[in-house]
Amino acid sequence: MTTVMKISPQGQIRIPRKFMATLGLEAGDYIEALLEGDHIALKPRKLIDPSQGWYWTKEWQEAEKEVDGEVERGEVSPTFQKAEEGMEWLKK
């Protein structure tokens, strides 16, 4: 999918609606511009609150996948009604 756009006097371009729809972009989203040789590539970027960055680390995401597998295989603890029951289960 290609299109030709005109650069405004302020150096701005308008992203075609069909591109935005395809990429799930909305007004206010962020775009990263990469200079690659003799052309510019635009890449959608989602900003992450710095306090939540840990969740998106490679290590954390690998652990999430591991836990999802454990849940799918039924390798989880039983449900406890009281914290004491859980503590007793852990001691076993």
N, C-alpha and C. Protein backbone atom coordinates (compact mmCIF):
# COMPACT_ATOMS: atom_id res chain seq x y z
N MET A 1 0.85 -1.17 0.00
CA MET A 1 0.00 0.00 0.00
C MET A 1 0.90 1.24 0.00
N THR A 2 0.78 2.07 -1.00
CA THR A 2 1.57 3.30 -1.07
C THR A 2 0.67 4.49 -1.35
N THR A 3 1.15 5.66 -1.02
CA THR A 3 0.46 6.90 -1.32
C THR A 3 1.48 8.04 -1.34
N VAL A 4 1.15 9.10 -2.02
CA VAL A 4 2.02 10.28 -2.09
C VAL A 4 1.38 11.37 -1.24
N MET A 5 2.19 12.00 -0.38
CA MET A 5 1.69 13.06 0.49
C MET A 5 2.53 14.31 0.27
N LYS A 6 1.91 15.47 0.47
CA LYS A 6 2.62 16.74 0.34
C LYS A 6 3.06 17.22 1.71
N ILE A 7 4.31 17.69 1.79
CA ILE A 7 4.84 18.22 3.05
C ILE A 7 4.38 19.66 3.20
N SER A 8 3.80 19.99 4.36
CA SER A 8 3.32 21.34 4.61
C SER A 8 4.50 22.28 4.86
N PRO A 9 4.27 23.60 4.83
CA PRO A 9 5.34 24.55 5.13
C PRO A 9 5.96 24.33 6.51
N GLN A 10 5.22 23.72 7.43
CA GLN A 10 5.73 23.43 8.77
C GLN A 10 6.46 22.08 8.83
N GLY A 11 6.59 21.41 7.68
CA GLY A 11 7.28 20.12 7.65
C GLY A 11 6.40 18.96 8.06
N GLN A 12 5.08 19.14 8.04
CA GLN A 12 4.16 18.10 8.47
C GLN A 12 3.59 17.34 7.28
N ILE A 13 3.20 16.10 7.53
CA ILE A 13 2.47 15.30 6.55
C ILE A 13 1.22 14.76 7.22
N ARG A 14 0.27 14.36 6.43
CA ARG A 14 -0.97 13.77 6.95
C ARG A 14 -0.94 12.28 6.63
N ILE A 15 -1.16 11.46 7.63
CA ILE A 15 -1.17 10.01 7.42
C ILE A 15 -2.55 9.62 6.89
N PRO A 16 -2.61 8.94 5.75
CA PRO A 16 -3.91 8.56 5.18
C PRO A 16 -4.74 7.72 6.14
N ARG A 17 -6.05 7.92 6.09
CA ARG A 17 -6.97 7.18 6.97
C ARG A 17 -6.85 5.68 6.82
N LYS A 18 -6.64 5.22 5.58
CA LYS A 18 -6.54 3.77 5.37
C LYS A 18 -5.31 3.20 6.10
N PHE A 19 -4.22 3.98 6.16
CA PHE A 19 -3.04 3.54 6.90
C PHE A 19 -3.35 3.50 8.39
N MET A 20 -3.99 4.56 8.87
CA MET A 20 -4.30 4.63 10.30
C MET A 20 -5.23 3.49 10.72
N ALA A 21 -6.22 3.21 9.88
CA ALA A 21 -7.16 2.13 10.19
C ALA A 21 -6.45 0.78 10.21
N THR A 22 -5.60 0.55 9.22
CA THR A 22 -4.87 -0.72 9.13
C THR A 22 -3.98 -0.94 10.35
N LEU A 23 -3.34 0.15 10.82
CA LEU A 23 -2.40 0.04 11.94
C LEU A 23 -3.06 0.28 13.30
N GLY A 24 -4.34 0.59 13.31
CA GLY A 24 -5.03 0.83 14.58
C GLY A 24 -4.59 2.13 15.25
N LEU A 25 -4.23 3.12 14.43
CA LEU A 25 -3.77 4.40 14.98
C LEU A 25 -4.93 5.36 15.16
N GLU A 26 -4.78 6.23 16.15
CA GLU A 26 -5.78 7.26 16.41
C GLU A 26 -5.07 8.58 16.60
N ALA A 27 -5.82 9.67 16.46
CA ALA A 27 -5.26 10.99 16.71
C ALA A 27 -4.67 11.02 18.11
N GLY A 28 -3.48 11.56 18.25
CA GLY A 28 -2.82 11.62 19.55
C GLY A 28 -1.82 10.50 19.78
N ASP A 29 -1.87 9.44 18.95
CA ASP A 29 -0.88 8.37 19.07
C ASP A 29 0.49 8.89 18.63
N TYR A 30 1.52 8.15 18.93
CA TYR A 30 2.88 8.54 18.60
C TYR A 30 3.42 7.70 17.44
N ILE A 31 4.29 8.34 16.65
CA ILE A 31 4.95 7.70 15.52
C ILE A 31 6.45 7.94 15.66
N GLU A 32 7.24 6.90 15.45
CA GLU A 32 8.69 7.03 15.44
C GLU A 32 9.12 7.17 13.98
N ALA A 33 9.98 8.15 13.69
CA ALA A 33 10.51 8.34 12.35
C ALA A 33 11.95 7.83 12.32
N LEU A 34 12.23 6.92 11.38
CA LEU A 34 13.56 6.34 11.26
C LEU A 34 14.13 6.72 9.90
N LEU A 35 15.34 7.27 9.88
CA LEU A 35 16.02 7.57 8.64
C LEU A 35 16.79 6.33 8.23
N GLU A 36 16.41 5.74 7.11
CA GLU A 36 17.02 4.50 6.62
C GLU A 36 17.58 4.75 5.23
N GLY A 37 18.85 5.12 5.19
CA GLY A 37 19.48 5.42 3.90
C GLY A 37 18.87 6.66 3.28
N ASP A 38 18.20 6.46 2.14
CA ASP A 38 17.61 7.60 1.44
C ASP A 38 16.10 7.70 1.61
N HIS A 39 15.56 7.02 2.64
CA HIS A 39 14.12 7.13 2.86
C HIS A 39 13.80 7.19 4.36
N ILE A 40 12.58 7.58 4.65
CA ILE A 40 12.10 7.71 6.03
C ILE A 40 11.07 6.61 6.27
N ALA A 41 11.22 5.89 7.35
CA ALA A 41 10.23 4.88 7.75
C ALA A 41 9.50 5.41 8.98
N LEU A 42 8.19 5.26 9.00
CA LEU A 42 7.39 5.67 10.15
C LEU A 42 6.89 4.41 10.85
N LYS A 43 7.04 4.39 12.17
CA LYS A 43 6.69 3.20 12.94
C LYS A 43 5.81 3.62 14.12
N PRO A 44 4.62 3.01 14.28
CA PRO A 44 3.78 3.34 15.43
C PRO A 44 4.49 3.02 16.73
N ARG A 45 4.33 3.87 17.72
CA ARG A 45 4.93 3.66 19.03
C ARG A 45 3.87 3.83 20.10
N LYS A 46 3.83 2.92 21.04
CA LYS A 46 2.96 3.04 22.20
C LYS A 46 3.85 3.39 23.38
N LEU A 47 3.53 4.48 24.05
CA LEU A 47 4.33 4.89 25.19
C LEU A 47 3.88 4.14 26.43
N ILE A 48 4.83 3.78 27.25
CA ILE A 48 4.57 3.02 28.48
C ILE A 48 4.93 3.90 29.66
N ASP A 49 4.04 3.95 30.62
CA ASP A 49 4.32 4.67 31.86
C ASP A 49 5.59 4.07 32.47
N PRO A 50 6.58 4.90 32.80
CA PRO A 50 7.84 4.37 33.34
C PRO A 50 7.66 3.46 34.55
N SER A 51 6.63 3.71 35.36
CA SER A 51 6.42 2.86 36.54
C SER A 51 5.93 1.47 36.15
N GLN A 52 5.50 1.29 34.90
CA GLN A 52 5.01 -0.01 34.43
C GLN A 52 5.99 -0.69 33.46
N GLY A 53 7.15 -0.07 33.25
CA GLY A 53 8.12 -0.59 32.29
C GLY A 53 8.61 -1.99 32.61
N TRP A 54 8.70 -2.33 33.89
CA TRP A 54 9.17 -3.66 34.29
C TRP A 54 8.36 -4.76 33.64
N TYR A 55 7.06 -4.52 33.46
CA TYR A 55 6.18 -5.55 32.92
C TYR A 55 6.57 -5.92 31.49
N TRP A 56 7.14 -4.98 30.76
CA TRP A 56 7.44 -5.20 29.36
C TRP A 56 8.87 -5.64 29.11
N THR A 57 9.63 -5.93 30.18
CA THR A 57 10.99 -6.42 29.98
C THR A 57 10.93 -7.84 29.42
N LYS A 58 11.99 -8.24 28.73
CA LYS A 58 12.05 -9.58 28.15
C LYS A 58 11.91 -10.65 29.23
N GLU A 59 12.59 -10.44 30.35
CA GLU A 59 12.54 -11.43 31.45
C GLU A 59 11.12 -11.61 31.98
N TRP A 60 10.43 -10.48 32.19
CA TRP A 60 9.09 -10.57 32.75
C TRP A 60 8.13 -11.23 31.76
N GLN A 61 8.24 -10.89 30.49
CA GLN A 61 7.36 -11.49 29.49
C GLN A 61 7.62 -12.99 29.35
N GLU A 62 8.87 -13.42 29.47
CA GLU A 62 9.18 -14.86 29.43
C GLU A 62 8.55 -15.56 30.63
N ALA A 63 8.62 -14.92 31.80
CA ALA A 63 8.01 -15.50 33.01
C ALA A 63 6.49 -15.57 32.85
N GLU A 64 5.89 -14.55 32.24
CA GLU A 64 4.44 -14.56 32.00
C GLU A 64 4.05 -15.75 31.12
N LYS A 65 4.84 -16.00 30.06
CA LYS A 65 4.56 -17.13 29.17
C LYS A 65 4.68 -18.45 29.92
N GLU A 66 5.69 -18.55 30.78
CA GLU A 66 5.89 -19.77 31.57
C GLU A 66 4.70 -20.03 32.49
N VAL A 67 4.25 -18.98 33.15
CA VAL A 67 3.10 -19.11 34.06
C VAL A 67 1.84 -19.46 33.28
N ASP A 68 1.64 -18.84 32.11
CA ASP A 68 0.47 -19.18 31.29
C ASP A 68 0.47 -20.67 30.96
N GLY A 69 1.65 -21.21 30.65
CA GLY A 69 1.75 -22.64 30.37
C GLY A 69 1.41 -23.49 31.57
N GLU A 70 1.87 -23.07 32.74
CA GLU A 70 1.56 -23.80 33.97
C GLU A 70 0.06 -23.80 34.24
N VAL A 71 -0.58 -22.67 34.02
CA VAL A 71 -2.03 -22.57 34.22
C VAL A 71 -2.74 -23.50 33.24
N GLU A 72 -2.35 -23.47 31.96
CA GLU A 72 -2.96 -24.34 30.95
C GLU A 72 -2.82 -25.83 31.31
N ARG A 73 -1.69 -26.19 31.89
CA ARG A 73 -1.44 -27.59 32.26
C ARG A 73 -2.04 -27.95 33.62
N GLY A 74 -2.66 -26.98 34.28
CA GLY A 74 -3.27 -27.25 35.58
C GLY A 74 -2.28 -27.34 36.72
N GLU A 75 -1.10 -26.79 36.52
CA GLU A 75 -0.05 -26.84 37.54
C GLU A 75 -0.14 -25.63 38.48
N VAL A 76 -1.30 -25.47 39.07
CA VAL A 76 -1.51 -24.33 39.98
C VAL A 76 -2.00 -24.84 41.33
N SER A 77 -1.90 -23.99 42.32
CA SER A 77 -2.35 -24.38 43.66
C SER A 77 -3.87 -24.40 43.70
N PRO A 78 -4.43 -25.13 44.69
CA PRO A 78 -5.88 -25.09 44.87
C PRO A 78 -6.30 -23.71 45.38
N THR A 79 -7.60 -23.47 45.39
CA THR A 79 -8.14 -22.22 45.91
C THR A 79 -8.28 -22.34 47.42
N PHE A 80 -7.88 -21.30 48.13
CA PHE A 80 -7.96 -21.30 49.59
C PHE A 80 -8.96 -20.25 50.06
N GLN A 81 -9.67 -20.56 51.13
CA GLN A 81 -10.63 -19.61 51.69
C GLN A 81 -9.96 -18.68 52.69
N LYS A 82 -8.89 -19.15 53.31
CA LYS A 82 -8.19 -18.33 54.31
C LYS A 82 -6.69 -18.39 54.04
N ALA A 83 -6.00 -17.34 54.42
CA ALA A 83 -4.55 -17.27 54.22
C ALA A 83 -3.85 -18.41 54.94
N GLU A 84 -4.36 -18.80 56.09
CA GLU A 84 -3.74 -19.88 56.85
C GLU A 84 -3.73 -21.19 56.07
N GLU A 85 -4.82 -21.45 55.33
CA GLU A 85 -4.88 -22.65 54.51
C GLU A 85 -3.78 -22.63 53.46
N GLY A 86 -3.57 -21.48 52.84
CA GLY A 86 -2.52 -21.34 51.86
C GLY A 86 -1.15 -21.53 52.47
N MET A 87 -0.93 -21.00 53.63
CA MET A 87 0.35 -21.15 54.32
C MET A 87 0.61 -22.63 54.62
N GLU A 88 -0.39 -23.34 55.06
CA GLU A 88 -0.24 -24.76 55.36
C GLU A 88 0.08 -25.55 54.10
N TRP A 89 -0.58 -25.19 52.99
CA TRP A 89 -0.32 -25.87 51.72
C TRP A 89 1.13 -25.64 51.28
N LEU A 90 1.63 -24.40 51.46
CA LEU A 90 2.99 -24.08 51.07
C LEU A 90 4.02 -24.85 51.90
N LYS A 91 3.70 -25.11 53.17
CA LYS A 91 4.64 -25.82 54.05
C LYS A 91 4.79 -27.29 53.67
N LYS A 92 3.83 -27.84 52.96
CA LYS A 92 3.87 -29.26 52.59
C LYS A 92 4.89 -29.53 51.53
